[in-house]
C-alpha atoms as a PDB file:
ATOM      1  CA  MET A   1      43.836 129.729-141.131  1.00  0.00           C
ATOM      2  CA  ALA A   2      41.736 131.007-144.010  1.00  0.00           C
ATOM      3  CA  HIS A   3      38.856 133.327-143.330  1.00  0.00           C
ATOM      4  CA  TYR A   4      35.566 132.303-144.911  1.00  0.00           C
ATOM      5  CA  PRO A   5      32.540 134.563-144.461  1.00  0.00           C
ATOM      6  CA  LEU A   6      29.938 133.049-142.190  1.00  0.00           C
ATOM      7  CA  ASN A   7      26.287 133.140-143.329  1.00  0.00           C
ATOM      8  CA  HIS A   8      27.071 135.266-146.377  1.00  0.00           C
ATOM      9  CA  HIS A   9      23.895 136.890-147.674  1.00  0.00           C
ATOM     10  CA  LEU A  10      24.490 135.545-151.220  1.00  0.00           C
ATOM     11  CA  ARG A  11      25.358 131.965-150.209  1.00  0.00           C
ATOM     12  CA  GLN A  12      22.134 130.563-151.723  1.00  0.00           C
ATOM     13  CA  SER A  13      22.922 132.241-155.036  1.00  0.00           C
ATOM     14  CA  TYR A  14      26.438 130.817-154.998  1.00  0.00           C
ATOM     15  CA  ARG A  15      25.016 127.423-154.062  1.00  0.00           C
ATOM     16  CA  PHE A  16      22.727 127.616-157.099  1.00  0.00           C
ATOM     17  CA  VAL A  17      25.711 128.446-159.340  1.00  0.00           C
ATOM     18  CA  ALA A  18      27.558 125.407-157.968  1.00  0.00           C
ATOM     19  CA  PHE A  19      24.452 123.293-158.593  1.00  0.00           C
ATOM     20  CA  LEU A  20      24.327 124.477-162.212  1.00  0.00           C
ATOM     21  CA  ALA A  21      28.016 123.656-162.692  1.00  0.00           C
ATOM     22  CA  GLY A  22      27.532 120.196-161.210  1.00  0.00           C
ATOM     23  CA  ALA A  23      24.355 119.593-163.219  1.00  0.00           C
ATOM     24  CA  TYR A  24      26.164 120.499-166.453  1.00  0.00           C
ATOM     25  CA  LEU A  25      28.957 118.060-165.633  1.00  0.00           C
ATOM     26  CA  LEU A  26      26.480 115.362-164.645  1.00  0.00           C
ATOM     27  CA  VAL A  27      24.386 115.710-167.817  1.00  0.00           C
ATOM     28  CA  ALA A  28      27.487 115.940-170.024  1.00  0.00           C
ATOM     29  CA  GLY A  29      28.911 112.855-168.339  1.00  0.00           C
ATOM     30  CA  VAL A  30      25.762 110.771-168.665  1.00  0.00           C
ATOM     31  CA  THR A  31      25.242 111.737-172.308  1.00  0.00           C
ATOM     32  CA  GLY A  32      28.943 111.016-172.852  1.00  0.00           C
ATOM     33  CA  LEU A  33      28.509 107.561-171.368  1.00  0.00           C
ATOM     34  CA  VAL A  34      25.615 106.923-173.741  1.00  0.00           C
ATOM     35  CA  ALA A  35      27.563 108.262-176.734  1.00  0.00           C
ATOM     36  CA  THR A  36      30.664 106.181-175.969  1.00  0.00           C
ATOM     37  CA  TRP A  37      28.892 102.953-175.012  1.00  0.00           C
ATOM     38  CA  GLY A  38      30.936 100.053-176.408  1.00  0.00           C
ATOM     39  CA  ASP A  39      34.059 102.121-177.144  1.00  0.00           C
ATOM     40  CA  PRO A  40      37.415 101.187-175.589  1.00  0.00           C
ATOM     41  CA  PHE A  41      37.605 102.664-172.062  1.00  0.00           C
ATOM     42  CA  PHE A  42      40.742 104.708-172.766  1.00  0.00           C
ATOM     43  CA  GLY A  43      40.163 105.067-176.526  1.00  0.00           C
ATOM     44  CA  HIS A  44      41.763 107.906-178.474  1.00  0.00           C
ATOM     45  CA  ASP A  45      39.522 108.149-181.533  1.00  0.00           C
ATOM     46  CA  GLY A  46      38.397 111.720-180.711  1.00  0.00           C
ATOM     47  CA  HIS A  47      35.041 111.564-182.454  1.00  0.00           C
ATOM     48  CA  ASP A  48      32.651 111.407-179.467  1.00  0.00           C
ATOM     49  CA  TRP A  49      31.359 114.714-178.133  1.00  0.00           C
ATOM     50  CA  SER A  50      28.944 115.462-175.303  1.00  0.00           C
ATOM     51  CA  LEU A  51      27.565 118.967-174.704  1.00  0.00           C
ATOM     52  CA  GLY A  52      30.650 120.495-176.278  1.00  0.00           C
ATOM     53  CA  LEU A  53      33.184 118.284-174.486  1.00  0.00           C
ATOM     54  CA  ARG A  54      35.265 115.607-176.199  1.00  0.00           C
ATOM     55  CA  VAL A  55      34.858 112.350-174.309  1.00  0.00           C
ATOM     56  CA  ASN A  56      35.774 108.719-174.201  1.00  0.00           C
ATOM     57  CA  PRO A  57      34.294 106.344-171.578  1.00  0.00           C
ATOM     58  CA  ALA A  58      37.017 107.251-169.040  1.00  0.00           C
ATOM     59  CA  GLY A  59      36.426 110.984-169.491  1.00  0.00           C
ATOM     60  CA  ALA A  60      32.666 110.528-169.364  1.00  0.00           C
ATOM     61  CA  TRP A  61      32.940 108.639-166.073  1.00  0.00           C
ATOM     62  CA  LEU A  62      35.267 111.303-164.663  1.00  0.00           C
ATOM     63  CA  ILE A  63      32.933 114.205-165.396  1.00  0.00           C
ATOM     64  CA  THR A  64      29.892 112.174-164.284  1.00  0.00           C
ATOM     65  CA  VAL A  65      31.474 111.510-160.887  1.00  0.00           C
ATOM     66  CA  LEU A  66      32.593 115.138-160.504  1.00  0.00           C
ATOM     67  CA  GLY A  67      29.102 116.351-161.396  1.00  0.00           C
ATOM     68  CA  LEU A  68      27.445 113.888-159.037  1.00  0.00           C
ATOM     69  CA  ILE A  69      29.677 114.971-156.143  1.00  0.00           C
ATOM     70  CA  VAL A  70      28.963 118.672-156.694  1.00  0.00           C
ATOM     71  CA  VAL A  71      25.207 118.174-157.170  1.00  0.00           C
ATOM     72  CA  ALA A  72      24.957 115.967-154.075  1.00  0.00           C
ATOM     73  CA  ALA A  73      26.874 118.504-151.967  1.00  0.00           C
ATOM     74  CA  THR A  74      24.689 121.400-153.101  1.00  0.00           C
ATOM     75  CA  VAL A  75      21.515 119.436-152.431  1.00  0.00           C
ATOM     76  CA  ILE A  76      22.736 118.565-148.920  1.00  0.00           C
ATOM     77  CA  GLY A  77      23.789 122.175-148.342  1.00  0.00           C
ATOM     78  CA  GLY A  78      25.228 123.680-145.188  1.00  0.00           C
ATOM     79  CA  ASN A  79      28.850 123.156-144.305  1.00  0.00           C
ATOM     80  CA  VAL A  80      28.927 119.932-146.340  1.00  0.00           C
ATOM     81  CA  HIS A  81      28.376 122.118-149.399  1.00  0.00           C
ATOM     82  CA  HIS A  82      31.082 124.507-148.177  1.00  0.00           C
ATOM     83  CA  GLN A  83      33.733 121.815-147.681  1.00  0.00           C
ATOM     84  CA  VAL A  84      32.925 119.621-150.689  1.00  0.00           C
ATOM     85  CA  THR A  85      32.706 122.459-153.188  1.00  0.00           C
ATOM     86  CA  LEU A  86      36.037 123.853-151.989  1.00  0.00           C
ATOM     87  CA  VAL A  87      37.712 120.506-152.578  1.00  0.00           C
ATOM     88  CA  ALA A  88      35.824 119.785-155.809  1.00  0.00           C
ATOM     89  CA  GLY A  89      36.635 123.224-157.216  1.00  0.00           C
ATOM     90  CA  TRP A  90      40.345 122.786-156.571  1.00  0.00           C
ATOM     91  CA  ALA A  91      40.157 119.226-157.921  1.00  0.00           C
ATOM     92  CA  MET A  92      38.538 120.390-161.170  1.00  0.00           C
ATOM     93  CA  CYS A  93      41.216 123.052-161.638  1.00  0.00           C
ATOM     94  CA  GLY A  94      43.951 120.507-160.919  1.00  0.00           C
ATOM     95  CA  ILE A  95      42.465 117.947-163.297  1.00  0.00           C
ATOM     96  CA  ALA A  96      42.226 120.620-165.996  1.00  0.00           C
ATOM     97  CA  VAL A  97      45.907 121.480-165.612  1.00  0.00           C
ATOM     98  CA  LEU A  98      46.841 117.788-165.635  1.00  0.00           C
ATOM     99  CA  ILE A  99      44.817 117.250-168.818  1.00  0.00           C
ATOM    100  CA  MET A 100      46.466 120.264-170.412  1.00  0.00           C
ATOM    101  CA  ALA A 101      49.908 118.924-169.521  1.00  0.00           C
ATOM    102  CA  THR A 102      49.188 115.555-171.145  1.00  0.00           C
ATOM    103  CA  MET A 103      46.903 116.646-173.991  1.00  0.00           C
ATOM    104  CA  GLN A 104      49.226 116.000-176.941  1.00  0.00           C
ATOM    105  CA  THR A 105      50.678 112.780-175.521  1.00  0.00           C
ATOM    106  CA  ASP A 106      49.610 109.167-175.127  1.00  0.00           C
ATOM    107  CA  ALA A 107      49.106 109.922-171.420  1.00  0.00           C
ATOM    108  CA  ASN A 108      45.856 111.753-172.292  1.00  0.00           C
ATOM    109  CA  ALA A 109      43.749 108.875-170.965  1.00  0.00           C
ATOM    110  CA  VAL A 110      40.478 110.833-171.103  1.00  0.00           C
ATOM    111  CA  ASP A 111      40.983 111.901-174.761  1.00  0.00           C
ATOM    112  CA  ALA A 112      40.308 115.535-173.839  1.00  0.00           C
ATOM    113  CA  SER A 113      40.819 118.653-175.920  1.00  0.00           C
ATOM    114  CA  MET A 114      41.524 122.258-174.987  1.00  0.00           C
ATOM    115  CA  ILE A 115      37.797 122.999-174.678  1.00  0.00           C
ATOM    116  CA  ASN A 116      37.626 120.382-171.912  1.00  0.00           C
ATOM    117  CA  VAL A 117      40.442 122.176-170.099  1.00  0.00           C
ATOM    118  CA  LEU A 118      38.741 125.563-170.394  1.00  0.00           C
ATOM    119  CA  VAL A 119      35.346 124.256-169.290  1.00  0.00           C
ATOM    120  CA  LEU A 120      36.811 122.388-166.310  1.00  0.00           C
ATOM    121  CA  LEU A 121      38.813 125.449-165.243  1.00  0.00           C
ATOM    122  CA  LEU A 122      35.766 127.706-165.522  1.00  0.00           C
ATOM    123  CA  LEU A 123      33.441 125.324-163.685  1.00  0.00           C
ATOM    124  CA  GLY A 124      36.156 124.666-161.098  1.00  0.00           C
ATOM    125  CA  ILE A 125      36.471 128.391-160.401  1.00  0.00           C
ATOM    126  CA  PHE A 126      32.684 128.758-160.150  1.00  0.00           C
ATOM    127  CA  THR A 127      32.482 125.796-157.781  1.00  0.00           C
ATOM    128  CA  LEU A 128      35.425 126.997-155.698  1.00  0.00           C
ATOM    129  CA  THR A 129      33.912 130.480-155.395  1.00  0.00           C
ATOM    130  CA  ALA A 130      30.602 128.976-154.319  1.00  0.00           C
ATOM    131  CA  GLY A 131      32.436 127.029-151.643  1.00  0.00           C
ATOM    132  CA  LEU A 132      34.209 130.139-150.366  1.00  0.00           C
ATOM    133  CA  TYR A 133      30.892 131.802-149.567  1.00  0.00           C
ATOM    134  CA  GLY A 134      28.949 128.743-148.427  1.00  0.00           C
ATOM    135  CA  LYS A 135      29.993 128.478-144.770  1.00  0.00           C
ATOM    136  CA  VAL A 136      27.062 128.355-142.354  1.00  0.00           C
ATOM    137  CA  GLY A 137      27.000 129.053-138.625  1.00  0.00           C
ATOM    138  CA  THR A 138      24.793 130.344-135.848  1.00  0.00           C
ATOM    139  CA  ARG A 139      23.694 133.961-135.758  1.00  0.00           C
ATOM    140  CA  GLU A 140      25.775 134.548-132.654  1.00  0.00           C
ATOM    141  CA  ALA A 141      28.879 133.199-134.367  1.00  0.00           C
ATOM    142  CA  ALA A 142      28.191 135.366-137.422  1.00  0.00           C
ATOM    143  CA  ARG A 143      27.794 138.476-135.239  1.00  0.00           C
ATOM    144  CA  ALA A 144      30.988 137.649-133.350  1.00  0.00           C
ATOM    145  CA  GLU A 145      32.846 137.153-136.613  1.00  0.00           C
ATOM    146  CA  GLU A 146      31.543 140.433-138.011  1.00  0.00           C
ATOM    147  CA  ALA A 147      32.527 142.257-134.829  1.00  0.00           C
ATOM    148  CA  SER A 148      36.053 140.838-134.890  1.00  0.00           C
ATOM    149  CA  ALA A 149      36.447 141.555-138.614  1.00  0.00           C
ATOM    150  CA  HIS A 150      35.288 145.176-138.335  1.00  0.00           C
ATOM    151  CA  PRO A 151      36.112 146.513-134.859  1.00  0.00           C
ATOM    152  CA  ARG A 152      34.737 149.950-134.013  1.00  0.00           C
END
């Protein structure tokens, strides 16, 4: 079983970083939806951009949903934030690799470019790191964990 620090002293800072990552995705997704309104859902015209990301309606919906999930988890906080940001961070990294694998093919349904891959990987790593340090527990559990991690 993985060891996640309990009540890490920087967990609020990491939570804020995850919130910023989710907010960027949410704003980029919503502005992408506005910019691509009326376009074919899986269109490949490559001329719509949103906050530096190339989007079509499918890609805009994808990053909107990812952003909404991360923002909601960070607002809720606690162990919900811990679990959701771990999964969302890995999901963003996986989606980025999948996009990179299909970028120059007709399978690129979200009409993404390499900048989309880099941004998703970076935000996925930020979100994953925030999740690693977001676990919350009682003070007694934190003391017991610290004692077992660093025996004297």
